[in-house]
PDB file of N, CA and C in Angstrom:
ATOM      1  N   UNK A   1       1.745 -25.180  10.214  1.00  0.00           N
ATOM      2  CA  UNK A   1       1.946 -24.366   8.952  1.00  0.00           C
ATOM      3  C   UNK A   1       2.912 -23.245   9.451  1.00  0.00           C
ATOM      4  N   UNK A   2       4.203 -23.559   9.768  1.00  0.00           N
ATOM      5  CA  UNK A   2       5.202 -22.426  10.245  1.00  0.00           C
ATOM      6  C   UNK A   2       5.782 -21.946   8.951  1.00  0.00           C
ATOM      7  N   UNK A   3       5.499 -20.743   8.651  1.00  0.00           N
ATOM      8  CA  UNK A   3       6.278 -20.108   7.319  1.00  0.00           C
ATOM      9  C   UNK A   3       7.148 -18.899   7.716  1.00  0.00           C
ATOM     10  N   UNK A   4       7.334 -18.647   9.115  1.00  0.00           N
ATOM     11  CA  UNK A   4       8.030 -17.333   9.390  1.00  0.00           C
ATOM     12  C   UNK A   4       9.390 -17.376   8.821  1.00  0.00           C
ATOM     13  N   UNK A   5      10.051 -18.372   8.648  1.00  0.00           N
ATOM     14  CA  UNK A   5      11.452 -18.484   8.203  1.00  0.00           C
ATOM     15  C   UNK A   5      11.453 -18.330   6.661  1.00  0.00           C
ATOM     16  N   UNK A   6      10.407 -18.648   5.887  1.00  0.00           N
ATOM     17  CA  UNK A   6      10.303 -18.642   4.473  1.00  0.00           C
ATOM     18  C   UNK A   6      10.230 -17.180   3.940  1.00  0.00           C
ATOM     19  N   UNK A   7      10.799 -16.872   2.875  1.00  0.00           N
ATOM     20  CA  UNK A   7      10.829 -15.573   2.342  1.00  0.00           C
ATOM     21  C   UNK A   7       9.288 -15.478   1.542  1.00  0.00           C
ATOM     22  N   UNK A   8       8.607 -14.451   1.634  1.00  0.00           N
ATOM     23  CA  UNK A   8       7.259 -14.436   1.009  1.00  0.00           C
ATOM     24  C   UNK A   8       7.049 -13.092   0.540  1.00  0.00           C
ATOM     25  N   UNK A   9       6.123 -13.060  -0.282  1.00  0.00           N
ATOM     26  CA  UNK A   9       5.685 -11.649  -0.797  1.00  0.00           C
ATOM     27  C   UNK A   9       4.256 -11.352  -0.376  1.00  0.00           C
ATOM     28  N   UNK A  10       3.835 -10.108  -0.385  1.00  0.00           N
ATOM     29  CA  UNK A  10       2.418  -9.652  -0.125  1.00  0.00           C
ATOM     30  C   UNK A  10       1.485 -10.635  -0.770  1.00  0.00           C
ATOM     31  N   UNK A  11       1.779 -10.890  -2.223  1.00  0.00           N
ATOM     32  CA  UNK A  11       0.930 -11.499  -3.070  1.00  0.00           C
ATOM     33  C   UNK A  11       0.743 -12.982  -2.532  1.00  0.00           C
ATOM     34  N   UNK A  12       1.719 -13.633  -1.954  1.00  0.00           N
ATOM     35  CA  UNK A  12       1.651 -14.862  -1.387  1.00  0.00           C
ATOM     36  C   UNK A  12       0.721 -14.872  -0.156  1.00  0.00           C
ATOM     37  N   UNK A  13       0.958 -13.887   0.647  1.00  0.00           N
ATOM     38  CA  UNK A  13      -0.014 -13.835   1.981  1.00  0.00           C
ATOM     39  C   UNK A  13      -1.354 -13.721   1.551  1.00  0.00           C
ATOM     40  N   UNK A  14      -1.721 -12.849   0.571  1.00  0.00           N
ATOM     41  CA  UNK A  14      -2.955 -12.566   0.189  1.00  0.00           C
ATOM     42  C   UNK A  14      -3.695 -13.761  -0.353  1.00  0.00           C
ATOM     43  N   UNK A  15      -2.870 -14.516  -1.286  1.00  0.00           N
ATOM     44  CA  UNK A  15      -3.433 -15.770  -1.895  1.00  0.00           C
ATOM     45  C   UNK A  15      -3.738 -16.747  -0.840  1.00  0.00           C
ATOM     46  N   UNK A  16      -2.979 -16.914   0.112  1.00  0.00           N
ATOM     47  CA  UNK A  16      -3.190 -17.949   1.272  1.00  0.00           C
ATOM     48  C   UNK A  16      -4.400 -17.431   2.009  1.00  0.00           C
ATOM     49  N   UNK A  17      -4.659 -16.172   2.279  1.00  0.00           N
ATOM     50  CA  UNK A  17      -5.646 -15.704   3.089  1.00  0.00           C
ATOM     51  C   UNK A  17      -6.928 -15.779   2.321  1.00  0.00           C
ATOM     52  N   UNK A  18      -6.981 -15.788   0.969  1.00  0.00           N
ATOM     53  CA  UNK A  18      -8.143 -15.730   0.219  1.00  0.00           C
ATOM     54  C   UNK A  18      -8.597 -17.197  -0.010  1.00  0.00           C
ATOM     55  N   UNK A  19      -7.811 -18.230   0.385  1.00  0.00           N
ATOM     56  CA  UNK A  19      -8.154 -19.624   0.240  1.00  0.00           C
ATOM     57  C   UNK A  19      -9.213 -19.755   1.379  1.00  0.00           C
ATOM     58  N   UNK A  20      -9.020 -19.166   2.488  1.00  0.00           N
ATOM     59  CA  UNK A  20      -9.968 -19.226   3.608  1.00  0.00           C
ATOM     60  C   UNK A  20     -10.006 -20.550   4.359  1.00  0.00           C
ATOM     61  N   UNK A  21      -8.889 -21.173   4.410  1.00  0.00           N
ATOM     62  CA  UNK A  21      -8.732 -22.487   5.036  1.00  0.00           C
ATOM     63  C   UNK A  21      -8.419 -22.317   6.559  1.00  0.00           C
ATOM     64  N   UNK A  22      -8.019 -21.068   6.952  1.00  0.00           N
ATOM     65  CA  UNK A  22      -7.471 -20.803   8.337  1.00  0.00           C
ATOM     66  C   UNK A  22      -8.176 -19.512   8.696  1.00  0.00           C
ATOM     67  N   UNK A  23      -8.249 -19.163   9.910  1.00  0.00           N
ATOM     68  CA  UNK A  23      -8.580 -17.820  10.495  1.00  0.00           C
ATOM     69  C   UNK A  23      -7.503 -16.865  10.103  1.00  0.00           C
ATOM     70  N   UNK A  24      -7.817 -15.640  10.001  1.00  0.00           N
ATOM     71  CA  UNK A  24      -6.918 -14.531   9.744  1.00  0.00           C
ATOM     72  C   UNK A  24      -5.805 -14.443  10.635  1.00  0.00           C
ATOM     73  N   UNK A  25      -6.154 -14.571  11.962  1.00  0.00           N
ATOM     74  CA  UNK A  25      -5.142 -14.407  13.024  1.00  0.00           C
ATOM     75  C   UNK A  25      -4.102 -15.652  12.818  1.00  0.00           C
ATOM     76  N   UNK A  26      -4.386 -16.682  12.496  1.00  0.00           N
ATOM     77  CA  UNK A  26      -3.543 -17.778  12.453  1.00  0.00           C
ATOM     78  C   UNK A  26      -2.563 -17.548  11.073  1.00  0.00           C
ATOM     79  N   UNK A  27      -3.161 -17.182  10.081  1.00  0.00           N
ATOM     80  CA  UNK A  27      -2.346 -16.859   8.746  1.00  0.00           C
ATOM     81  C   UNK A  27      -1.348 -15.772   9.156  1.00  0.00           C
ATOM     82  N   UNK A  28      -1.821 -14.689   9.716  1.00  0.00           N
ATOM     83  CA  UNK A  28      -0.962 -13.550  10.079  1.00  0.00           C
ATOM     84  C   UNK A  28       0.094 -14.062  10.945  1.00  0.00           C
ATOM     85  N   UNK A  29      -0.036 -14.892  11.850  1.00  0.00           N
ATOM     86  CA  UNK A  29       0.830 -15.385  12.876  1.00  0.00           C
ATOM     87  C   UNK A  29       1.908 -16.429  11.990  1.00  0.00           C
ATOM     88  N   UNK A  30       1.395 -17.067  11.287  1.00  0.00           N
ATOM     89  CA  UNK A  30       2.210 -17.935  10.567  1.00  0.00           C
ATOM     90  C   UNK A  30       3.225 -17.101   9.594  1.00  0.00           C
ATOM     91  N   UNK A  31       2.739 -16.121   8.990  1.00  0.00           N
ATOM     92  CA  UNK A  31       3.757 -15.253   8.164  1.00  0.00           C
ATOM     93  C   UNK A  31       4.479 -14.344   8.903  1.00  0.00           C
ATOM     94  N   UNK A  32       4.265 -14.011  10.238  1.00  0.00           N
ATOM     95  CA  UNK A  32       4.892 -13.207  11.078  1.00  0.00           C
ATOM     96  C   UNK A  32       4.628 -11.770  11.040  1.00  0.00           C
ATOM     97  N   UNK A  33       3.344 -11.648  10.619  1.00  0.00           N
ATOM     98  CA  UNK A  33       2.772 -10.099  10.452  1.00  0.00           C
ATOM     99  C   UNK A  33       1.672  -9.934  11.495  1.00  0.00           C
ATOM    100  N   UNK A  34       1.263  -8.843  11.597  1.00  0.00           N
ATOM    101  CA  UNK A  34      -0.029  -8.609  12.575  1.00  0.00           C
ATOM    102  C   UNK A  34      -1.129  -8.922  11.728  1.00  0.00           C
ATOM    103  N   UNK A  35      -2.368  -9.046  12.581  1.00  0.00           N
ATOM    104  CA  UNK A  35      -3.621  -9.310  11.783  1.00  0.00           C
ATOM    105  C   UNK A  35      -4.204  -8.075  11.083  1.00  0.00           C
ATOM    106  N   UNK A  36      -3.881  -6.933  11.751  1.00  0.00           N
ATOM    107  CA  UNK A  36      -4.068  -5.684  11.095  1.00  0.00           C
ATOM    108  C   UNK A  36      -3.479  -5.510   9.749  1.00  0.00           C
ATOM    109  N   UNK A  37      -2.125  -5.822   9.643  1.00  0.00           N
ATOM    110  CA  UNK A  37      -1.387  -5.774   8.578  1.00  0.00           C
ATOM    111  C   UNK A  37      -2.006  -6.669   7.437  1.00  0.00           C
ATOM    112  N   UNK A  38      -2.452  -7.840   7.832  1.00  0.00           N
ATOM    113  CA  UNK A  38      -2.959  -8.775   6.881  1.00  0.00           C
ATOM    114  C   UNK A  38      -4.395  -8.031   6.229  1.00  0.00           C
ATOM    115  N   UNK A  39      -5.191  -7.607   7.118  1.00  0.00           N
ATOM    116  CA  UNK A  39      -6.471  -6.874   6.763  1.00  0.00           C
ATOM    117  C   UNK A  39      -6.124  -5.795   5.799  1.00  0.00           C
ATOM    118  N   UNK A  40      -4.967  -4.898   6.039  1.00  0.00           N
ATOM    119  CA  UNK A  40      -4.622  -3.837   5.237  1.00  0.00           C
ATOM    120  C   UNK A  40      -4.344  -4.302   3.847  1.00  0.00           C
ATOM    121  N   UNK A  41      -3.488  -5.319   3.905  1.00  0.00           N
ATOM    122  CA  UNK A  41      -2.990  -6.027   2.574  1.00  0.00           C
ATOM    123  C   UNK A  41      -4.099  -6.569   1.789  1.00  0.00           C
ATOM    124  N   UNK A  42      -5.149  -7.150   2.536  1.00  0.00           N
ATOM    125  CA  UNK A  42      -6.286  -7.623   1.765  1.00  0.00           C
ATOM    126  C   UNK A  42      -7.125  -6.675   1.148  1.00  0.00           C
ATOM    127  N   UNK A  43      -7.276  -5.445   1.937  1.00  0.00           N
ATOM    128  CA  UNK A  43      -8.075  -4.343   1.453  1.00  0.00           C
ATOM    129  C   UNK A  43      -7.405  -3.694   0.008  1.00  0.00           C
ATOM    130  N   UNK A  44      -6.021  -3.572   0.234  1.00  0.00           N
ATOM    131  CA  UNK A  44      -5.284  -3.090  -0.822  1.00  0.00           C
ATOM    132  C   UNK A  44      -5.483  -3.870  -2.050  1.00  0.00           C
ATOM    133  N   UNK A  45      -5.332  -5.185  -1.925  1.00  0.00           N
ATOM    134  CA  UNK A  45      -5.448  -5.983  -3.029  1.00  0.00           C
ATOM    135  C   UNK A  45      -6.970  -5.919  -3.702  1.00  0.00           C
ATOM    136  N   UNK A  46      -7.965  -5.716  -2.817  1.00  0.00           N
ATOM    137  CA  UNK A  46      -9.331  -5.550  -3.412  1.00  0.00           C
ATOM    138  C   UNK A  46      -9.444  -4.180  -4.344  1.00  0.00           C
ATOM    139  N   UNK A  47      -8.565  -3.155  -3.905  1.00  0.00           N
ATOM    140  CA  UNK A  47      -8.633  -1.954  -4.568  1.00  0.00           C
ATOM    141  C   UNK A  47      -7.814  -2.095  -5.891  1.00  0.00           C
ATOM    142  N   UNK A  48      -6.825  -2.814  -5.830  1.00  0.00           N
ATOM    143  CA  UNK A  48      -5.954  -3.127  -7.022  1.00  0.00           C
ATOM    144  C   UNK A  48      -6.742  -3.851  -8.168  1.00  0.00           C
ATOM    145  N   UNK A  49      -7.625  -4.674  -7.728  1.00  0.00           N
ATOM    146  CA  UNK A  49      -8.324  -5.615  -8.792  1.00  0.00           C
ATOM    147  C   UNK A  49      -9.510  -5.082  -8.968  1.00  0.00           C
ATOM    148  N   UNK A  50      -9.956  -3.802  -8.429  1.00  0.00           N
ATOM    149  CA  UNK A  50     -11.265  -3.262  -8.612  1.00  0.00           C
ATOM    150  C   UNK A  50     -12.576  -3.530  -8.003  1.00  0.00           C
ATOM    151  N   UNK A  51     -12.233  -4.534  -6.900  1.00  0.00           N
ATOM    152  CA  UNK A  51     -13.448  -4.969  -6.118  1.00  0.00           C
ATOM    153  C   UNK A  51     -14.004  -3.833  -5.076  1.00  0.00           C
ATOM    154  N   UNK A  52     -13.054  -2.803  -4.923  1.00  0.00           N
ATOM    155  CA  UNK A  52     -13.498  -1.921  -3.875  1.00  0.00           C
ATOM    156  C   UNK A  52     -12.894  -0.516  -4.339  1.00  0.00           C
ATOM    157  N   UNK A  53     -13.562   0.466  -4.092  1.00  0.00           N
ATOM    158  CA  UNK A  53     -13.135   1.862  -4.571  1.00  0.00           C
ATOM    159  C   UNK A  53     -11.911   2.264  -3.861  1.00  0.00           C
ATOM    160  N   UNK A  54     -11.004   3.080  -4.409  1.00  0.00           N
ATOM    161  CA  UNK A  54      -9.966   3.627  -3.866  1.00  0.00           C
ATOM    162  C   UNK A  54      -8.767   3.892  -4.865  1.00  0.00           C
ATOM    163  N   UNK A  55      -7.596   4.375  -4.274  1.00  0.00           N
ATOM    164  CA  UNK A  55      -6.569   4.714  -5.256  1.00  0.00           C
ATOM    165  C   UNK A  55      -5.642   3.503  -5.338  1.00  0.00           C
ATOM    166  N   UNK A  56      -5.426   3.117  -6.586  1.00  0.00           N
ATOM    167  CA  UNK A  56      -4.484   1.943  -6.834  1.00  0.00           C
ATOM    168  C   UNK A  56      -3.137   2.446  -6.657  1.00  0.00           C
ATOM    169  N   UNK A  57      -2.038   1.574  -6.556  1.00  0.00           N
ATOM    170  CA  UNK A  57      -0.749   1.885  -6.534  1.00  0.00           C
ATOM    171  C   UNK A  57      -0.245   2.582  -7.724  1.00  0.00           C
ATOM    172  N   UNK A  58      -0.707   2.269  -8.891  1.00  0.00           N
ATOM    173  CA  UNK A  58      -0.278   2.859 -10.070  1.00  0.00           C
ATOM    174  C   UNK A  58      -0.795   4.381 -10.077  1.00  0.00           C
ATOM    175  N   UNK A  59      -1.989   4.647  -9.581  1.00  0.00           N
ATOM    176  CA  UNK A  59      -2.577   5.935  -9.614  1.00  0.00           C
ATOM    177  C   UNK A  59      -1.717   6.853  -8.545  1.00  0.00           C
ATOM    178  N   UNK A  60      -1.428   6.075  -7.563  1.00  0.00           N
ATOM    179  CA  UNK A  60      -0.634   6.863  -6.494  1.00  0.00           C
ATOM    180  C   UNK A  60       0.754   7.244  -6.979  1.00  0.00           C
ATOM    181  N   UNK A  61       1.333   6.431  -7.564  1.00  0.00           N
ATOM    182  CA  UNK A  61       2.760   6.555  -8.301  1.00  0.00           C
ATOM    183  C   UNK A  61       2.575   7.692  -9.138  1.00  0.00           C
ATOM    184  N   UNK A  62       1.715   7.734 -10.176  1.00  0.00           N
ATOM    185  CA  UNK A  62       1.517   8.827 -11.069  1.00  0.00           C
ATOM    186  C   UNK A  62       1.324  10.057 -10.442  1.00  0.00           C
ATOM    187  N   UNK A  63       0.418  10.172  -9.406  1.00  0.00           N
ATOM    188  CA  UNK A  63       0.179  11.397  -8.510  1.00  0.00           C
ATOM    189  C   UNK A  63       1.466  11.896  -8.051  1.00  0.00           C
ATOM    190  N   UNK A  64       2.167  11.123  -7.445  1.00  0.00           N
ATOM    191  CA  UNK A  64       3.616  11.590  -6.777  1.00  0.00           C
ATOM    192  C   UNK A  64       4.512  11.955  -7.937  1.00  0.00           C
ATOM    193  N   UNK A  65       4.616  11.306  -9.109  1.00  0.00           N
ATOM    194  CA  UNK A  65       5.466  11.795 -10.107  1.00  0.00           C
ATOM    195  C   UNK A  65       5.192  13.103 -10.476  1.00  0.00           C
ATOM    196  N   UNK A  66       3.753  13.320 -10.699  1.00  0.00           N
ATOM    197  CA  UNK A  66       3.370  14.654 -11.172  1.00  0.00           C
ATOM    198  C   UNK A  66       3.605  15.750 -10.149  1.00  0.00           C
ATOM    199  N   UNK A  67       3.444  15.398  -8.743  1.00  0.00           N
ATOM    200  CA  UNK A  67       3.770  16.407  -7.732  1.00  0.00           C
ATOM    201  C   UNK A  67       5.226  16.843  -7.767  1.00  0.00           C
ATOM    202  N   UNK A  68       6.079  15.874  -7.943  1.00  0.00           N
ATOM    203  CA  UNK A  68       7.552  15.967  -7.933  1.00  0.00           C
ATOM    204  C   UNK A  68       8.020  16.806  -9.229  1.00  0.00           C
ATOM    205  N   UNK A  69       7.336  16.525 -10.356  1.00  0.00           N
ATOM    206  CA  UNK A  69       7.670  17.164 -11.475  1.00  0.00           C
ATOM    207  C   UNK A  69       7.264  18.683 -11.456  1.00  0.00           C
ATOM    208  N   UNK A  70       6.144  18.914 -10.882  1.00  0.00           N
ATOM    209  CA  UNK A  70       5.678  20.403 -10.655  1.00  0.00           C
ATOM    210  C   UNK A  70       6.555  21.037  -9.773  1.00  0.00           C
ATOM    211  N   UNK A  71       6.920  20.509  -8.745  1.00  0.00           N
ATOM    212  CA  UNK A  71       7.719  21.166  -7.674  1.00  0.00           C
ATOM    213  C   UNK A  71       9.003  21.328  -8.245  1.00  0.00           C
ATOM    214  N   UNK A  72       9.636  20.672  -8.919  1.00  0.00           N
ATOM    215  CA  UNK A  72      11.027  20.694  -9.372  1.00  0.00           C
ATOM    216  C   UNK A  72      11.090  21.970 -10.521  1.00  0.00           C
ATOM    217  N   UNK A  73       9.970  21.994 -11.245  1.00  0.00           N
ATOM    218  CA  UNK A  73       9.937  23.067 -12.311  1.00  0.00           C
ATOM    219  C   UNK A  73       9.552  24.475 -11.843  1.00  0.00           C
ATOM    220  N   UNK A  74       9.067  24.603 -10.424  1.00  0.00           N
ATOM    221  CA  UNK A  74       8.860  25.983 -10.030  1.00  0.00           C
ATOM    222  C   UNK A  74      10.250  26.588  -9.725  1.00  0.00           C
ATOM    223  N   UNK A  75      10.225  27.805  -9.846  1.00  0.00           N
ATOM    224  CA  UNK A  75      11.242  28.750  -9.444  1.00  0.00           C
ATOM    225  C   UNK A  75      11.563  28.704  -7.941  1.00  0.00           C
ATOM    226  N   UNK A  76      12.913  28.828  -7.552  1.00  0.00           N
ATOM    227  CA  UNK A  76      13.023  28.753  -6.186  1.00  0.00           C
ATOM    228  C   UNK A  76      12.407  29.588  -5.203  1.00  0.00           C
ATOM    229  N   UNK A  77      11.940  30.888  -5.772  1.00  0.00           N
ATOM    230  CA  UNK A  77      11.181  31.685  -4.801  1.00  0.00           C
ATOM    231  C   UNK A  77       9.775  31.219  -4.591  1.00  0.00           C
ATOM    232  N   UNK A  78       9.262  30.623  -5.517  1.00  0.00           N
ATOM    233  CA  UNK A  78       7.835  29.955  -5.366  1.00  0.00           C
ATOM    234  C   UNK A  78       7.888  28.631  -4.331  1.00  0.00           C
ATOM    235  N   UNK A  79       8.915  28.003  -4.458  1.00  0.00           N
ATOM    236  CA  UNK A  79       9.114  26.774  -3.679  1.00  0.00           C
ATOM    237  C   UNK A  79       9.259  27.127  -2.152  1.00  0.00           C
ATOM    238  N   UNK A  80       9.844  28.394  -2.002  1.00  0.00           N
ATOM    239  CA  UNK A  80       9.794  28.859  -0.492  1.00  0.00           C
ATOM    240  C   UNK A  80       8.507  29.132  -0.022  1.00  0.00           C
ATOM    241  N   UNK A  81       7.729  29.816  -0.842  1.00  0.00           N
ATOM    242  CA  UNK A  81       6.308  30.434  -0.444  1.00  0.00           C
ATOM    243  C   UNK A  81       5.383  29.312  -0.168  1.00  0.00           C
ATOM    244  N   UNK A  82       5.383  28.264  -1.020  1.00  0.00           N
ATOM    245  CA  UNK A  82       4.572  27.169  -0.959  1.00  0.00           C
ATOM    246  C   UNK A  82       5.153  26.029   0.036  1.00  0.00           C
ATOM    247  N   UNK A  83       4.788  26.116   1.277  1.00  0.00           N
ATOM    248  CA  UNK A  83       5.396  25.034   2.122  1.00  0.00           C
ATOM    249  C   UNK A  83       4.594  23.849   1.971  1.00  0.00           C
ATOM    250  N   UNK A  84       5.117  22.590   2.313  1.00  0.00           N
ATOM    251  CA  UNK A  84       4.423  21.386   2.151  1.00  0.00           C
ATOM    252  C   UNK A  84       3.218  21.365   3.209  1.00  0.00           C
ATOM    253  N   UNK A  85       3.189  21.968   4.233  1.00  0.00           N
ATOM    254  CA  UNK A  85       2.114  21.942   5.175  1.00  0.00           C
ATOM    255  C   UNK A  85       0.878  22.746   4.656  1.00  0.00           C
ATOM    256  N   UNK A  86       1.189  23.765   3.755  1.00  0.00           N
ATOM    257  CA  UNK A  86       0.210  24.601   3.189  1.00  0.00           C
ATOM    258  C   UNK A  86      -0.493  23.900   2.005  1.00  0.00           C
ATOM    259  N   UNK A  87       0.433  23.264   1.154  1.00  0.00           N
ATOM    260  CA  UNK A  87      -0.080  22.528   0.003  1.00  0.00           C
ATOM    261  C   UNK A  87      -1.081  21.551   0.307  1.00  0.00           C
ATOM    262  N   UNK A  88      -2.058  21.346  -0.572  1.00  0.00           N
ATOM    263  CA  UNK A  88      -3.017  20.368  -0.258  1.00  0.00           C
ATOM    264  C   UNK A  88      -3.162  19.316  -1.356  1.00  0.00           C
ATOM    265  N   UNK A  89      -2.202  19.390  -2.357  1.00  0.00           N
ATOM    266  CA  UNK A  89      -2.400  18.279  -3.412  1.00  0.00           C
ATOM    267  C   UNK A  89      -1.860  17.127  -2.937  1.00  0.00           C
TER     268      UNK A  89
END
């Protein structure tokens, strides 16, 4: 099952891993990723479908958009006072 040359998406890798026909280490090796990367992708997929608590990619994108919108709307003198290391949002 050598798939390293084939183009694949994260969704493809997660689907193959969910079938459970091979150990995670073998699947990761076949796709050319590390086993820890495969486990992170599986955990993220669980969050996306609601099987595990966490922040979905859509929620993360919305929060990022809100932070950027608020930062851009602040006057320049406030942007200097609030540095990224101080801000906790």
